[in-house]
Amino acid sequence: MIKICLYLKEDPDSRSTKKILECSRVPAMGEFIDFEYNLYRVFLVCHQPYNNGYEASVAALKTSWDSCESLLHSQEKTCQTH
């Protein structure tokens, strides 16, 4: 497992919320993340974050479940809350 710093945004204009996760891999840009019963889509991945305690910094934007639920079921869940 590796540590990542996940920055979550509720909408494009909101401030991000920082979460620390342990994952099996770094999520890719465009990938969907199921976090605390909400769906987020990754829009930025930095593999060389400022804090060397993390493998990467990842930013994700909250997304509607309606059109994305079938895509989520087809992907392996990779992250667990730390």
N, C-alpha and C. Protein backbone atom coordinates (compact mmCIF):
# COMPACT_ATOMS: atom_id res chain seq x y z
N MET A 1 0.85 -1.19 0.00
CA MET A 1 0.00 0.00 0.00
C MET A 1 0.89 1.25 0.00
N ILE A 2 0.38 2.27 -0.67
CA ILE A 2 1.08 3.55 -0.72
C ILE A 2 0.16 4.63 -0.19
N LYS A 3 0.73 5.74 0.26
CA LYS A 3 -0.07 6.87 0.75
C LYS A 3 -0.18 7.92 -0.35
N ILE A 4 -1.40 8.46 -0.49
CA ILE A 4 -1.61 9.60 -1.36
C ILE A 4 -2.34 10.68 -0.58
N CYS A 5 -2.20 11.90 -1.04
CA CYS A 5 -2.93 13.03 -0.48
C CYS A 5 -4.03 13.36 -1.48
N LEU A 6 -5.28 13.21 -1.08
CA LEU A 6 -6.42 13.42 -1.96
C LEU A 6 -7.10 14.73 -1.62
N TYR A 7 -7.23 15.61 -2.62
CA TYR A 7 -7.91 16.89 -2.46
C TYR A 7 -9.27 16.78 -3.15
N LEU A 8 -10.35 16.87 -2.37
CA LEU A 8 -11.70 16.70 -2.88
C LEU A 8 -12.40 18.04 -3.01
N LYS A 9 -13.06 18.27 -4.15
CA LYS A 9 -13.83 19.49 -4.37
C LYS A 9 -15.29 19.13 -4.58
N GLU A 10 -16.20 19.84 -3.90
CA GLU A 10 -17.63 19.61 -4.04
C GLU A 10 -18.16 20.16 -5.36
N ASP A 11 -17.57 21.26 -5.84
CA ASP A 11 -17.90 21.83 -7.14
C ASP A 11 -16.66 22.59 -7.62
N PRO A 12 -16.62 22.97 -8.89
CA PRO A 12 -15.40 23.60 -9.42
C PRO A 12 -14.95 24.86 -8.68
N ASP A 13 -15.88 25.60 -8.07
CA ASP A 13 -15.54 26.86 -7.40
C ASP A 13 -15.27 26.72 -5.91
N SER A 14 -15.48 25.55 -5.34
CA SER A 14 -15.31 25.37 -3.90
C SER A 14 -13.85 25.12 -3.54
N ARG A 15 -13.55 25.33 -2.27
CA ARG A 15 -12.20 25.00 -1.75
C ARG A 15 -12.11 23.50 -1.57
N SER A 16 -10.93 22.96 -1.75
CA SER A 16 -10.76 21.51 -1.63
C SER A 16 -10.58 21.09 -0.18
N THR A 17 -10.96 19.85 0.10
CA THR A 17 -10.79 19.22 1.41
C THR A 17 -9.70 18.17 1.28
N LYS A 18 -8.74 18.20 2.18
CA LYS A 18 -7.59 17.29 2.12
C LYS A 18 -7.87 16.02 2.90
N LYS A 19 -7.61 14.86 2.29
CA LYS A 19 -7.74 13.55 2.94
C LYS A 19 -6.48 12.74 2.64
N ILE A 20 -6.06 11.93 3.60
CA ILE A 20 -4.92 11.03 3.41
C ILE A 20 -5.46 9.62 3.24
N LEU A 21 -5.07 8.96 2.16
CA LEU A 21 -5.56 7.61 1.86
C LEU A 21 -4.40 6.66 1.65
N GLU A 22 -4.64 5.40 1.95
CA GLU A 22 -3.71 4.34 1.58
C GLU A 22 -4.34 3.60 0.41
N CYS A 23 -3.60 3.48 -0.67
CA CYS A 23 -4.12 2.88 -1.91
C CYS A 23 -3.16 1.82 -2.41
N SER A 24 -3.69 0.96 -3.26
CA SER A 24 -2.84 -0.05 -3.89
C SER A 24 -2.06 0.56 -5.06
N ARG A 25 -2.57 1.69 -5.60
CA ARG A 25 -1.90 2.39 -6.70
C ARG A 25 -2.39 3.84 -6.74
N VAL A 26 -1.71 4.67 -7.50
CA VAL A 26 -2.12 6.06 -7.67
C VAL A 26 -3.25 6.11 -8.71
N PRO A 27 -4.39 6.73 -8.38
CA PRO A 27 -5.47 6.84 -9.37
C PRO A 27 -5.01 7.64 -10.59
N ALA A 28 -5.59 7.33 -11.74
CA ALA A 28 -5.24 8.01 -12.99
C ALA A 28 -6.19 9.18 -13.25
N MET A 29 -5.75 10.13 -14.05
CA MET A 29 -6.62 11.25 -14.44
C MET A 29 -7.83 10.69 -15.17
N GLY A 30 -9.02 11.21 -14.83
CA GLY A 30 -10.25 10.77 -15.44
C GLY A 30 -10.91 9.59 -14.74
N GLU A 31 -10.18 8.97 -13.81
CA GLU A 31 -10.71 7.81 -13.08
C GLU A 31 -11.74 8.26 -12.05
N PHE A 32 -12.72 7.39 -11.77
CA PHE A 32 -13.72 7.66 -10.74
C PHE A 32 -13.29 7.04 -9.42
N ILE A 33 -13.54 7.76 -8.32
CA ILE A 33 -13.22 7.29 -6.97
C ILE A 33 -14.51 7.32 -6.15
N ASP A 34 -14.81 6.22 -5.49
CA ASP A 34 -15.95 6.14 -4.56
C ASP A 34 -15.38 6.42 -3.18
N PHE A 35 -15.70 7.58 -2.61
CA PHE A 35 -15.15 7.97 -1.32
C PHE A 35 -16.28 8.44 -0.42
N GLU A 36 -16.46 7.74 0.72
CA GLU A 36 -17.49 8.07 1.71
C GLU A 36 -18.86 8.24 1.05
N TYR A 37 -19.24 7.27 0.20
CA TYR A 37 -20.54 7.22 -0.46
C TYR A 37 -20.78 8.36 -1.44
N ASN A 38 -19.71 8.98 -1.90
CA ASN A 38 -19.78 10.01 -2.93
C ASN A 38 -18.87 9.61 -4.07
N LEU A 39 -19.21 10.03 -5.27
CA LEU A 39 -18.42 9.72 -6.44
C LEU A 39 -17.62 10.96 -6.85
N TYR A 40 -16.33 10.77 -7.05
CA TYR A 40 -15.45 11.86 -7.47
C TYR A 40 -14.69 11.42 -8.72
N ARG A 41 -14.37 12.40 -9.58
CA ARG A 41 -13.58 12.10 -10.77
C ARG A 41 -12.25 12.85 -10.67
N VAL A 42 -11.17 12.11 -10.86
CA VAL A 42 -9.81 12.67 -10.76
C VAL A 42 -9.56 13.63 -11.92
N PHE A 43 -9.09 14.86 -11.59
CA PHE A 43 -8.76 15.81 -12.65
C PHE A 43 -7.31 16.27 -12.62
N LEU A 44 -6.55 15.89 -11.60
CA LEU A 44 -5.15 16.28 -11.52
C LEU A 44 -4.38 15.26 -10.70
N VAL A 45 -3.22 14.84 -11.19
CA VAL A 45 -2.35 13.91 -10.46
C VAL A 45 -0.94 14.47 -10.49
N CYS A 46 -0.36 14.64 -9.30
CA CYS A 46 1.02 15.10 -9.19
C CYS A 46 1.84 13.97 -8.56
N HIS A 47 2.74 13.39 -9.33
CA HIS A 47 3.53 12.26 -8.84
C HIS A 47 4.74 12.69 -8.01
N GLN A 48 5.02 13.98 -7.95
CA GLN A 48 6.11 14.49 -7.13
C GLN A 48 5.55 15.57 -6.21
N PRO A 49 4.80 15.16 -5.18
CA PRO A 49 4.17 16.15 -4.29
C PRO A 49 5.21 16.86 -3.43
N TYR A 50 4.80 18.00 -2.85
CA TYR A 50 5.69 18.78 -1.98
C TYR A 50 6.10 17.98 -0.74
N ASN A 51 5.20 17.18 -0.21
CA ASN A 51 5.47 16.38 0.98
C ASN A 51 5.99 15.02 0.52
N ASN A 52 7.21 14.68 0.87
CA ASN A 52 7.78 13.41 0.41
C ASN A 52 7.25 12.20 1.18
N GLY A 53 6.30 12.41 2.10
CA GLY A 53 5.66 11.31 2.80
C GLY A 53 4.54 10.67 1.98
N TYR A 54 4.21 11.27 0.83
CA TYR A 54 3.16 10.76 -0.04
C TYR A 54 3.74 10.34 -1.38
N GLU A 55 3.13 9.34 -1.97
CA GLU A 55 3.52 8.91 -3.31
C GLU A 55 3.04 9.92 -4.36
N ALA A 56 1.86 10.52 -4.11
CA ALA A 56 1.29 11.47 -5.07
C ALA A 56 0.24 12.34 -4.39
N SER A 57 -0.02 13.49 -5.01
CA SER A 57 -1.16 14.33 -4.65
C SER A 57 -2.17 14.21 -5.78
N VAL A 58 -3.45 14.01 -5.41
CA VAL A 58 -4.50 13.78 -6.39
C VAL A 58 -5.67 14.71 -6.09
N ALA A 59 -6.18 15.40 -7.12
CA ALA A 59 -7.33 16.27 -6.96
C ALA A 59 -8.52 15.66 -7.70
N ALA A 60 -9.70 15.69 -7.04
CA ALA A 60 -10.90 15.08 -7.63
C ALA A 60 -12.12 15.95 -7.37
N LEU A 61 -13.04 15.94 -8.34
CA LEU A 61 -14.26 16.74 -8.30
C LEU A 61 -15.47 15.85 -8.13
N LYS A 62 -16.38 16.24 -7.23
CA LYS A 62 -17.60 15.46 -6.98
C LYS A 62 -18.42 15.35 -8.27
N THR A 63 -18.95 14.15 -8.51
CA THR A 63 -19.66 13.84 -9.75
C THR A 63 -20.98 13.16 -9.42
N SER A 64 -21.98 13.33 -10.28
CA SER A 64 -23.29 12.71 -10.09
C SER A 64 -23.20 11.21 -10.28
N TRP A 65 -23.91 10.46 -9.45
CA TRP A 65 -23.96 9.00 -9.57
C TRP A 65 -24.78 8.56 -10.78
N ASP A 66 -25.77 9.36 -11.17
CA ASP A 66 -26.76 8.95 -12.16
C ASP A 66 -26.15 8.36 -13.43
N SER A 67 -25.22 9.07 -14.04
CA SER A 67 -24.68 8.60 -15.31
C SER A 67 -23.40 7.78 -15.16
N CYS A 68 -22.86 7.67 -13.95
CA CYS A 68 -21.55 7.04 -13.78
C CYS A 68 -21.57 5.73 -13.00
N GLU A 69 -22.70 5.34 -12.43
CA GLU A 69 -22.73 4.18 -11.55
C GLU A 69 -22.28 2.90 -12.25
N SER A 70 -22.67 2.69 -13.50
CA SER A 70 -22.25 1.48 -14.21
C SER A 70 -20.74 1.46 -14.46
N LEU A 71 -20.14 2.63 -14.70
CA LEU A 71 -18.69 2.69 -14.89
C LEU A 71 -17.96 2.34 -13.60
N LEU A 72 -18.49 2.80 -12.47
CA LEU A 72 -17.86 2.53 -11.18
C LEU A 72 -17.82 1.05 -10.88
N HIS A 73 -18.91 0.32 -11.17
CA HIS A 73 -18.96 -1.11 -10.89
C HIS A 73 -17.96 -1.89 -11.74
N SER A 74 -17.57 -1.35 -12.88
CA SER A 74 -16.64 -2.06 -13.76
C SER A 74 -15.18 -1.85 -13.36
N GLN A 75 -14.92 -0.91 -12.44
CA GLN A 75 -13.55 -0.63 -12.02
C GLN A 75 -13.28 -1.21 -10.64
N GLU A 76 -12.05 -1.61 -10.41
CA GLU A 76 -11.66 -2.14 -9.11
C GLU A 76 -11.51 -1.01 -8.12
N LYS A 77 -12.04 -1.17 -6.92
CA LYS A 77 -11.85 -0.16 -5.89
C LYS A 77 -10.42 -0.28 -5.37
N THR A 78 -9.72 0.87 -5.31
CA THR A 78 -8.31 0.84 -4.96
C THR A 78 -7.96 1.53 -3.66
N CYS A 79 -8.85 2.35 -3.12
CA CYS A 79 -8.47 3.17 -1.96
C CYS A 79 -9.29 2.83 -0.72
N GLN A 80 -8.64 3.00 0.43
CA GLN A 80 -9.30 2.82 1.72
C GLN A 80 -8.98 4.05 2.57
N THR A 81 -9.95 4.48 3.37
CA THR A 81 -9.72 5.62 4.25
C THR A 81 -8.66 5.28 5.27
N HIS A 82 -7.78 6.21 5.53
CA HIS A 82 -6.71 6.01 6.53
C HIS A 82 -7.00 6.85 7.73
